[in-house]
Amino acid sequence: EEMPFYRIELIFQNLHPQVLICDKETQKQVKEFSYQGKVYLYDEIVQTIVEEERLSEVRKEAIDTDPIYIVFTSGSTGVPKGVVACHRSVIDYIEHLSEVLGLNEETIFGNQAPLYFDACLKELYPTIKFGATTYLIPKSFFMFPVKLVEFLNRYQINTICWVVSALTMISSLGVLDKVKPEYLKTIAFGSEVFPIKQFQIWRKVLPETTFINLYGPTEATGMSCYYKVEREFLEGEIIPIGQPFANTRVYLFNQKNCLVQQGEVGEICIAGTALTLGYYNDPERTEQVFVQNPLNTSYPERIYRTGDLGRYNERGELLFISRKDDQIKHMGHRIELGEIEANVNLLEGIFASCCIYSVKRDKIILYYVGEIEKAEMAAVLKARLPRYMVPNYIEQIEEMPLTPNGKQNRVVLKQRYENRN
């Protein structure tokens, strides 16, 4: 229901699956697609006898680099990319994530991510591994933050791994003044930069809770870096993404494929067995980002170029700066759209902001959710930013559109702007 017909059809065309497993409700929709393979009903196949001998043969043949799943992410060309994870990459990821988050049999998760995204691995696999507990939070609760926090308390949920937008929705609306999540001991967050103002609200309400910033792409199975917040952060500071998980290596390369110097910005590249196998049925796009380590000319060593820009601060902590494709050329200047967003997020009464660039109109566009009027926003940004960085168009919106996995939906905002009269 959450995925449009066109996208599902593109996925079918990429996969060419021979078998489709679904329920009776979904079965009715299969005929709308070009899929011509076999259809099996889940409710029926779970009633069949388990053939242990045939299962044993499958297990004998299996190796840890065999694919375990394919998850489709958005592609810049409009065609979804099927990321192929293997057993080894998932095993590595879950082992190291569990260690960082301190997961055990007493962990009680509150799941926010849809089950058709790899983000839900953070809850599902550790639950099986440790005999922990996961509650699948109804999606509707994320529209009613008071009910959401009450849900956390009702089931004594002590660990959440959420996108930043789910957390800021609670803090920005003053919910934590009315009801406090009494049992939360670990809050892991990622996918977006956590505005310091909103983060400080959470930390003030839950001073004993461990806050962990996670960073990583789907192409590296999930999260690759972590940072446990153990010091105070001032307005204008960025919460680091810290250091790589065990058995993962991070490089920062400049445009000449050389390692950057301390404090310089470079593209974040990842190495290790947590890397996925590449994009399904798409060798061209795979070869563009899963590349030979430029530091190694002696034998094959694959790294993944994330397209994210980062740098190390004076403490040696890795900082996420922006997406490489968020760097634009405007009025003769190179501009990071993330820098504009960071300045907006510092303002009192701002709940969310998103900056995009229209190549067609050569305009910087700012959308934001908050209490500041548009005229005041324009005046503040003119005082804070160089003239060439001030957005050409500013619009205050009631709600920030999000992708199904909780990230800001820049595609929708760009379409919104381009479709204006």
Protein backbone atom coordinates (compact mmCIF):
# COMPACT_ATOMS: atom_id res chain seq x y z
CA GLU A 1 0.00 0.00 0.00
CA GLU A 2 2.87 2.37 0.75
CA MET A 3 4.77 1.63 -2.46
CA PRO A 4 3.39 2.98 -5.75
CA PHE A 5 2.46 0.64 -8.61
CA TYR A 6 5.14 2.04 -10.92
CA ARG A 7 7.95 1.35 -8.45
CA ILE A 8 6.80 -2.22 -7.78
CA GLU A 9 6.62 -2.86 -11.52
CA LEU A 10 10.20 -1.59 -11.97
CA ILE A 11 11.37 -3.94 -9.21
CA PHE A 12 9.65 -6.92 -10.88
CA GLN A 13 11.30 -6.02 -14.18
CA ASN A 14 14.71 -5.88 -12.51
CA LEU A 15 14.38 -9.10 -10.50
CA HIS A 16 12.47 -11.35 -12.94
CA PRO A 17 11.45 -13.53 -9.96
CA GLN A 18 10.21 -17.09 -10.53
CA VAL A 19 8.20 -17.33 -7.31
CA LEU A 20 6.14 -14.80 -5.35
CA ILE A 21 4.95 -15.48 -1.78
CA CYS A 22 2.07 -13.36 -0.57
CA ASP A 23 -1.20 -13.41 1.42
CA LYS A 24 -4.72 -13.59 0.02
CA GLU A 25 -5.18 -9.83 0.05
CA THR A 26 -1.99 -9.18 -1.89
CA GLN A 27 -2.77 -12.00 -4.31
CA LYS A 28 -5.59 -9.93 -5.77
CA GLN A 29 -3.13 -7.20 -6.77
CA VAL A 30 -0.58 -9.47 -8.46
CA LYS A 31 -2.63 -9.63 -11.68
CA GLU A 32 -2.15 -5.87 -12.14
CA PHE A 33 1.56 -6.36 -12.74
CA SER A 34 3.56 -7.94 -15.57
CA TYR A 35 4.69 -10.76 -13.23
CA GLN A 36 4.15 -14.20 -14.84
CA GLY A 37 5.77 -16.54 -12.30
CA LYS A 38 4.25 -18.83 -9.69
CA VAL A 39 2.30 -17.43 -6.72
CA TYR A 40 2.23 -19.21 -3.35
CA LEU A 41 0.10 -18.21 -0.39
CA TYR A 42 2.02 -17.87 2.85
CA ASP A 43 -0.87 -19.25 4.94
CA GLU A 44 -0.82 -22.44 2.85
CA ILE A 45 2.92 -23.09 2.58
CA VAL A 46 3.46 -22.80 6.34
CA GLN A 47 1.10 -25.73 6.76
CA THR A 48 3.22 -28.05 4.59
CA ILE A 49 5.57 -30.67 6.02
CA VAL A 50 9.17 -29.62 6.60
CA GLU A 51 11.49 -31.80 4.47
CA GLU A 52 14.54 -31.99 6.70
CA GLU A 53 16.60 -33.98 4.21
CA ARG A 54 16.24 -31.38 1.46
CA LEU A 55 16.89 -28.57 3.95
CA SER A 56 20.06 -30.33 5.04
CA GLU A 57 21.26 -30.44 1.42
CA VAL A 58 20.64 -26.71 1.03
CA ARG A 59 22.58 -25.96 4.23
CA LYS A 60 25.51 -28.13 3.13
CA GLU A 61 25.85 -26.12 -0.06
CA ALA A 62 25.44 -22.69 1.58
CA ILE A 63 28.39 -20.35 2.13
CA ASP A 64 28.39 -17.02 3.96
CA THR A 65 28.82 -14.95 0.78
CA ASP A 66 25.53 -16.25 -0.65
CA PRO A 67 22.87 -13.52 -1.00
CA ILE A 68 20.41 -13.28 1.90
CA TYR A 69 18.16 -10.49 0.63
CA ILE A 70 17.82 -7.71 -1.93
CA VAL A 71 16.52 -4.36 -0.71
CA PHE A 72 15.62 -1.63 -3.19
CA THR A 73 16.75 1.93 -2.56
CA SER A 74 16.03 5.03 -4.58
CA GLY A 75 18.14 5.66 -7.66
CA SER A 76 19.11 9.07 -9.01
CA THR A 77 17.95 7.96 -12.48
CA GLY A 78 14.46 7.17 -11.16
CA VAL A 79 15.07 3.41 -11.36
CA PRO A 80 15.34 1.69 -7.93
CA LYS A 81 18.67 0.04 -7.10
CA GLY A 82 18.54 -3.50 -5.70
CA VAL A 83 21.26 -3.81 -3.03
CA VAL A 84 22.31 -7.45 -2.60
CA ALA A 85 23.34 -8.29 0.96
CA CYS A 86 25.00 -11.58 1.88
CA HIS A 87 24.95 -13.69 5.04
CA ARG A 88 28.44 -12.58 6.06
CA SER A 89 27.69 -8.86 5.77
CA VAL A 90 24.57 -9.23 7.93
CA ILE A 91 26.34 -11.41 10.52
CA ASP A 92 29.16 -8.85 10.81
CA TYR A 93 26.74 -5.94 11.08
CA ILE A 94 24.53 -7.49 13.78
CA GLU A 95 27.50 -8.73 15.84
CA HIS A 96 29.13 -5.31 15.98
CA LEU A 97 25.91 -3.30 16.34
CA SER A 98 24.87 -5.49 19.27
CA GLU A 99 28.19 -4.85 20.97
CA VAL A 100 27.98 -1.08 20.48
CA LEU A 101 24.38 -0.82 21.70
CA GLY A 102 24.91 -3.27 24.58
CA LEU A 103 22.04 -5.53 23.50
CA ASN A 104 21.06 -8.62 25.48
CA GLU A 105 18.03 -10.75 26.44
CA GLU A 106 16.63 -7.87 28.54
CA THR A 107 16.50 -5.49 25.56
CA ILE A 108 12.97 -4.36 24.65
CA PHE A 109 12.87 -2.65 21.25
CA GLY A 110 10.26 -0.28 19.89
CA ASN A 111 10.45 -0.76 16.13
CA GLN A 112 9.91 2.31 13.93
CA ALA A 113 11.26 1.19 10.54
CA PRO A 114 8.98 -0.60 8.04
CA LEU A 115 9.76 -4.31 7.70
CA TYR A 116 10.48 -3.98 3.98
CA PHE A 117 13.53 -1.77 4.67
CA ASP A 118 16.90 -2.95 5.89
CA ALA A 119 16.64 -0.53 8.84
CA CYS A 120 14.49 -3.06 10.71
CA LEU A 121 17.49 -5.43 10.89
CA LYS A 122 18.63 -3.48 13.97
CA GLU A 123 15.70 -4.86 15.93
CA LEU A 124 14.76 -8.16 14.30
CA TYR A 125 18.07 -10.01 14.20
CA PRO A 126 19.24 -9.09 17.74
CA THR A 127 15.79 -10.14 19.01
CA ILE A 128 16.38 -13.60 17.55
CA LYS A 129 20.05 -13.67 18.56
CA PHE A 130 19.53 -12.81 22.24
CA GLY A 131 15.92 -13.81 22.83
CA ALA A 132 15.12 -10.12 23.28
CA THR A 133 11.74 -8.47 22.66
CA THR A 134 10.52 -6.22 19.85
CA TYR A 135 7.21 -4.35 19.70
CA LEU A 136 6.11 -3.26 16.24
CA ILE A 137 4.76 0.24 16.80
CA PRO A 138 1.69 1.02 14.64
CA LYS A 139 2.58 3.60 12.03
CA SER A 140 -0.39 5.78 13.03
CA PHE A 141 1.20 6.44 16.44
CA PHE A 142 3.93 8.50 14.75
CA MET A 143 1.22 11.02 13.86
CA PHE A 144 0.27 11.38 17.54
CA PRO A 145 3.47 11.84 19.58
CA VAL A 146 1.78 11.77 23.01
CA LYS A 147 0.25 8.37 22.20
CA LEU A 148 3.64 7.27 20.88
CA VAL A 149 5.44 8.02 24.16
CA GLU A 150 2.58 6.41 26.11
CA PHE A 151 3.06 3.30 23.96
CA LEU A 152 6.76 3.23 24.89
CA ASN A 153 5.84 3.40 28.57
CA ARG A 154 3.02 0.85 28.36
CA TYR A 155 5.38 -1.82 27.05
CA GLN A 156 8.41 -0.65 29.06
CA ILE A 157 10.46 -0.18 25.90
CA ASN A 158 14.10 0.50 26.82
CA THR A 159 15.81 0.69 23.41
CA ILE A 160 14.90 2.54 20.22
CA CYS A 161 16.81 2.89 16.93
CA TRP A 162 14.90 5.62 15.08
CA VAL A 163 15.39 8.13 12.32
CA VAL A 164 16.04 11.63 13.66
CA SER A 165 12.73 13.01 12.32
CA ALA A 166 10.75 10.63 14.57
CA LEU A 167 12.60 11.97 17.63
CA THR A 168 12.41 15.66 16.71
CA MET A 169 8.68 15.34 16.10
CA ILE A 170 8.30 14.47 19.80
CA SER A 171 10.68 17.09 21.20
CA SER A 172 9.67 19.99 18.94
CA LEU A 173 6.00 19.72 19.90
CA GLY A 174 6.74 19.90 23.63
CA VAL A 175 5.56 16.34 24.27
CA LEU A 176 8.42 15.58 26.67
CA ASP A 177 7.04 18.28 29.01
CA LYS A 178 3.78 16.33 29.26
CA VAL A 179 4.88 12.70 29.25
CA LYS A 180 8.36 11.27 29.71
CA PRO A 181 9.53 7.93 28.22
CA GLU A 182 10.28 6.40 31.61
CA TYR A 183 12.08 3.22 30.53
CA LEU A 184 14.34 4.34 27.68
CA LYS A 185 17.97 3.43 28.43
CA THR A 186 19.39 3.50 24.89
CA ILE A 187 18.44 5.85 22.05
CA ALA A 188 20.22 5.24 18.75
CA PHE A 189 19.51 7.62 15.91
CA GLY A 190 20.60 8.14 12.33
CA SER A 191 19.68 8.90 8.70
CA GLU A 192 19.63 12.68 9.29
CA VAL A 193 21.66 15.23 11.27
CA PHE A 194 20.11 15.69 14.75
CA PRO A 195 19.58 19.47 15.31
CA ILE A 196 21.44 20.33 18.51
CA LYS A 197 18.50 22.27 19.99
CA GLN A 198 16.23 19.24 19.70
CA PHE A 199 18.92 16.84 20.88
CA GLN A 200 19.50 18.90 24.01
CA ILE A 201 15.79 18.71 24.88
CA TRP A 202 16.00 14.90 24.82
CA ARG A 203 19.22 14.78 26.81
CA LYS A 204 17.89 17.15 29.47
CA VAL A 205 14.76 15.02 29.98
CA LEU A 206 16.72 11.73 29.93
CA PRO A 207 20.14 12.53 31.48
CA GLU A 208 20.90 8.88 32.32
CA THR A 209 20.06 7.54 28.85
CA THR A 210 22.80 6.54 26.41
CA PHE A 211 22.55 8.41 23.09
CA ILE A 212 24.33 6.91 20.08
CA ASN A 213 24.63 8.50 16.66
CA LEU A 214 24.73 5.85 13.91
CA TYR A 215 25.87 6.35 10.34
CA GLY A 216 26.01 4.05 7.36
CA PRO A 217 24.59 3.27 3.92
CA THR A 218 22.43 0.35 2.78
CA GLU A 219 25.36 -0.65 0.54
CA ALA A 220 27.35 -1.45 3.71
CA THR A 221 24.40 -3.49 5.09
CA GLY A 222 23.20 -0.83 7.53
CA MET A 223 25.30 1.24 9.88
CA SER A 224 29.07 1.51 9.64
CA CYS A 225 30.04 4.13 12.26
CA TYR A 226 28.90 5.07 15.75
CA TYR A 227 29.38 7.81 18.31
CA LYS A 228 28.33 7.60 21.96
CA VAL A 229 27.47 11.07 23.21
CA GLU A 230 29.50 11.62 26.37
CA ARG A 231 30.09 15.38 26.35
CA GLU A 232 28.12 18.58 26.00
CA PHE A 233 27.51 20.11 22.58
CA LEU A 234 27.09 23.81 21.93
CA GLU A 235 24.76 25.38 19.39
CA GLY A 236 26.33 25.24 15.98
CA GLU A 237 28.28 22.05 16.73
CA ILE A 238 27.68 18.82 14.85
CA ILE A 239 27.27 15.51 16.69
CA PRO A 240 30.04 13.29 15.25
CA ILE A 241 29.45 9.95 13.57
CA GLY A 242 32.54 8.93 15.49
CA GLN A 243 34.41 5.83 14.52
CA PRO A 244 33.85 2.72 12.39
CA PHE A 245 32.46 -0.51 13.81
CA ALA A 246 34.93 -3.31 14.45
CA ASN A 247 36.12 -5.01 11.23
CA THR A 248 35.16 -1.90 9.23
CA ARG A 249 37.54 0.69 7.83
CA VAL A 250 36.71 4.24 6.76
CA TYR A 251 38.73 6.37 4.33
CA LEU A 252 38.28 10.04 3.40
CA PHE A 253 39.40 10.65 -0.18
CA ASN A 254 39.70 13.95 -2.03
CA GLN A 255 38.94 14.36 -5.74
CA LYS A 256 42.42 13.10 -6.62
CA ASN A 257 41.82 9.85 -4.67
CA CYS A 258 44.32 10.87 -2.01
CA LEU A 259 43.63 10.74 1.73
CA VAL A 260 42.65 14.16 3.06
CA GLN A 261 44.62 16.03 5.70
CA GLN A 262 43.29 16.66 9.23
CA GLY A 263 40.28 18.98 9.05
CA GLU A 264 39.86 18.70 5.27
CA VAL A 265 36.62 17.47 3.73
CA GLY A 266 36.65 14.24 1.72
CA GLU A 267 34.30 11.56 0.43
CA ILE A 268 33.55 8.86 3.01
CA CYS A 269 34.54 5.44 1.65
CA ILE A 270 33.99 2.14 3.47
CA ALA A 271 35.85 -1.18 3.44
CA GLY A 272 35.25 -4.48 5.21
CA THR A 273 33.12 -7.61 5.10
CA ALA A 274 30.00 -5.60 5.98
CA LEU A 275 29.98 -4.37 2.37
CA THR A 276 27.15 -5.82 0.30
CA LEU A 277 27.71 -7.58 -3.03
CA GLY A 278 26.58 -4.67 -5.19
CA TYR A 279 23.43 -3.85 -7.19
CA TYR A 280 21.36 -6.69 -8.59
CA ASN A 281 21.39 -7.01 -12.37
CA ASP A 282 23.15 -3.64 -12.63
CA PRO A 283 26.91 -4.05 -13.19
CA GLU A 284 27.34 -0.52 -14.55
CA ARG A 285 26.09 1.25 -11.42
CA THR A 286 27.87 -1.30 -9.22
CA GLU A 287 31.22 -0.53 -10.85
CA GLN A 288 30.69 3.21 -10.36
CA VAL A 289 30.66 3.02 -6.54
CA PHE A 290 32.06 -0.41 -5.57
CA VAL A 291 35.63 0.30 -6.66
CA GLN A 292 39.23 -0.75 -6.16
CA ASN A 293 40.88 0.88 -3.15
CA PRO A 294 43.07 3.57 -4.78
CA LEU A 295 45.67 3.08 -2.01
CA ASN A 296 46.19 -0.56 -3.03
CA THR A 297 47.70 -1.45 -6.41
CA SER A 298 48.90 -4.93 -5.41
CA TYR A 299 45.72 -7.03 -5.23
CA PRO A 300 41.93 -6.62 -5.54
CA GLU A 301 40.43 -4.76 -2.54
CA ARG A 302 36.96 -3.35 -2.88
CA ILE A 303 35.65 -0.23 -1.16
CA TYR A 304 32.30 1.53 -1.39
CA ARG A 305 32.17 5.23 -2.29
CA THR A 306 29.24 6.56 -0.25
CA GLY A 307 28.81 9.93 -1.96
CA ASP A 308 28.83 11.47 1.54
CA LEU A 309 31.31 14.15 2.56
CA GLY A 310 32.98 14.12 5.96
CA ARG A 311 35.96 15.40 7.91
CA TYR A 312 37.75 14.75 11.20
CA ASN A 313 37.47 17.37 13.95
CA GLU A 314 40.28 18.36 16.30
CA ARG A 315 39.34 15.45 18.60
CA GLY A 316 39.81 12.94 15.78
CA GLU A 317 36.05 12.30 15.56
CA LEU A 318 34.51 11.80 12.12
CA LEU A 319 31.84 14.35 11.16
CA PHE A 320 29.23 13.97 8.44
CA ILE A 321 29.16 17.22 6.43
CA SER A 322 26.69 16.65 3.59
CA ARG A 323 25.87 14.58 0.55
CA LYS A 324 28.34 14.98 -2.30
CA ASP A 325 25.38 15.70 -4.58
CA ASP A 326 24.22 18.39 -2.11
CA GLN A 327 27.23 20.40 -3.20
CA ILE A 328 26.12 22.82 -5.90
CA LYS A 329 27.63 25.57 -8.03
CA HIS A 330 25.58 28.76 -7.72
CA MET A 331 26.55 32.31 -8.70
CA GLY A 332 30.11 31.07 -9.28
CA HIS A 333 30.44 29.62 -5.76
CA ARG A 334 30.54 26.05 -4.50
CA ILE A 335 27.85 25.71 -1.84
CA GLU A 336 26.93 22.95 0.63
CA LEU A 337 23.15 22.90 1.01
CA GLY A 338 23.67 21.24 4.39
CA GLU A 339 25.35 24.40 5.68
CA ILE A 340 22.20 26.42 4.92
CA GLU A 341 20.05 23.82 6.70
CA ALA A 342 22.37 23.85 9.72
CA ASN A 343 21.92 27.62 10.09
CA VAL A 344 18.14 27.28 9.84
CA ASN A 345 18.03 24.46 12.41
CA LEU A 346 19.82 26.64 14.96
CA LEU A 347 16.89 29.05 15.12
CA GLU A 348 14.39 28.93 17.99
CA GLY A 349 11.07 27.43 16.95
CA ILE A 350 12.37 25.48 13.93
CA PHE A 351 11.26 21.85 13.82
CA ALA A 352 12.67 20.74 10.44
CA SER A 353 14.26 22.22 7.33
CA CYS A 354 15.26 21.01 3.91
CA CYS A 355 17.23 22.86 1.24
CA ILE A 356 17.11 21.80 -2.42
CA TYR A 357 18.49 23.18 -5.65
CA SER A 358 16.63 23.58 -8.93
CA VAL A 359 19.11 23.18 -11.77
CA LYS A 360 16.39 24.16 -14.24
CA ARG A 361 15.81 27.54 -12.61
CA ASP A 362 19.21 27.93 -10.94
CA LYS A 363 17.52 28.61 -7.61
CA ILE A 364 18.21 27.58 -4.00
CA ILE A 365 14.93 26.63 -2.32
CA LEU A 366 14.29 26.33 1.42
CA TYR A 367 11.32 24.50 2.92
CA TYR A 368 10.90 24.55 6.69
CA VAL A 369 8.48 23.59 9.46
CA GLY A 370 8.40 26.00 12.38
CA GLU A 371 6.98 29.06 14.10
CA ILE A 372 9.12 31.70 12.37
CA GLU A 373 7.40 33.73 9.67
CA LYS A 374 8.87 33.63 6.18
CA ALA A 375 9.90 37.31 6.19
CA GLU A 376 11.74 36.88 9.49
CA MET A 377 13.46 33.74 8.18
CA ALA A 378 14.70 35.62 5.11
CA ALA A 379 16.03 38.47 7.26
CA VAL A 380 17.85 36.12 9.62
CA LEU A 381 19.49 34.17 6.81
CA LYS A 382 20.61 37.39 5.09
CA ALA A 383 22.34 38.34 8.34
CA ARG A 384 23.93 34.90 8.81
CA LEU A 385 24.90 33.77 5.31
CA PRO A 386 26.87 35.21 2.38
CA ARG A 387 24.59 36.71 -0.26
CA TYR A 388 25.21 33.88 -2.73
CA MET A 389 24.03 31.29 -0.14
CA VAL A 390 20.74 32.94 0.81
CA PRO A 391 17.83 30.88 -0.58
CA ASN A 392 16.09 32.41 -3.59
CA TYR A 393 12.76 30.94 -2.51
CA ILE A 394 11.54 30.23 1.02
CA GLU A 395 8.35 28.41 1.93
CA GLN A 396 6.93 27.55 5.34
CA ILE A 397 5.10 24.20 5.28
CA GLU A 398 2.97 22.43 7.89
CA GLU A 399 4.66 19.06 7.63
CA MET A 400 7.96 17.84 6.16
CA PRO A 401 7.36 15.08 3.60
CA LEU A 402 9.26 11.92 4.45
CA THR A 403 10.25 8.80 2.55
CA PRO A 404 8.83 5.48 3.86
CA ASN A 405 11.99 4.93 5.92
CA GLY A 406 11.72 8.36 7.56
CA LYS A 407 14.21 10.50 5.62
CA GLN A 408 13.28 13.90 4.24
CA ASN A 409 11.74 13.39 0.82
CA ARG A 410 13.75 15.80 -1.32
CA VAL A 411 12.24 14.42 -4.54
CA VAL A 412 8.72 15.43 -3.43
CA LEU A 413 9.92 18.91 -2.43
CA LYS A 414 11.72 19.39 -5.72
CA GLN A 415 8.58 18.36 -7.63
CA ARG A 416 6.53 20.70 -5.47
CA TYR A 417 8.76 23.59 -6.46
CA GLU A 418 9.07 22.70 -10.13
CA ASN A 419 5.25 22.32 -10.44
CA ARG A 420 4.61 25.85 -9.18
CA ASN A 421 2.93 28.14 -11.70
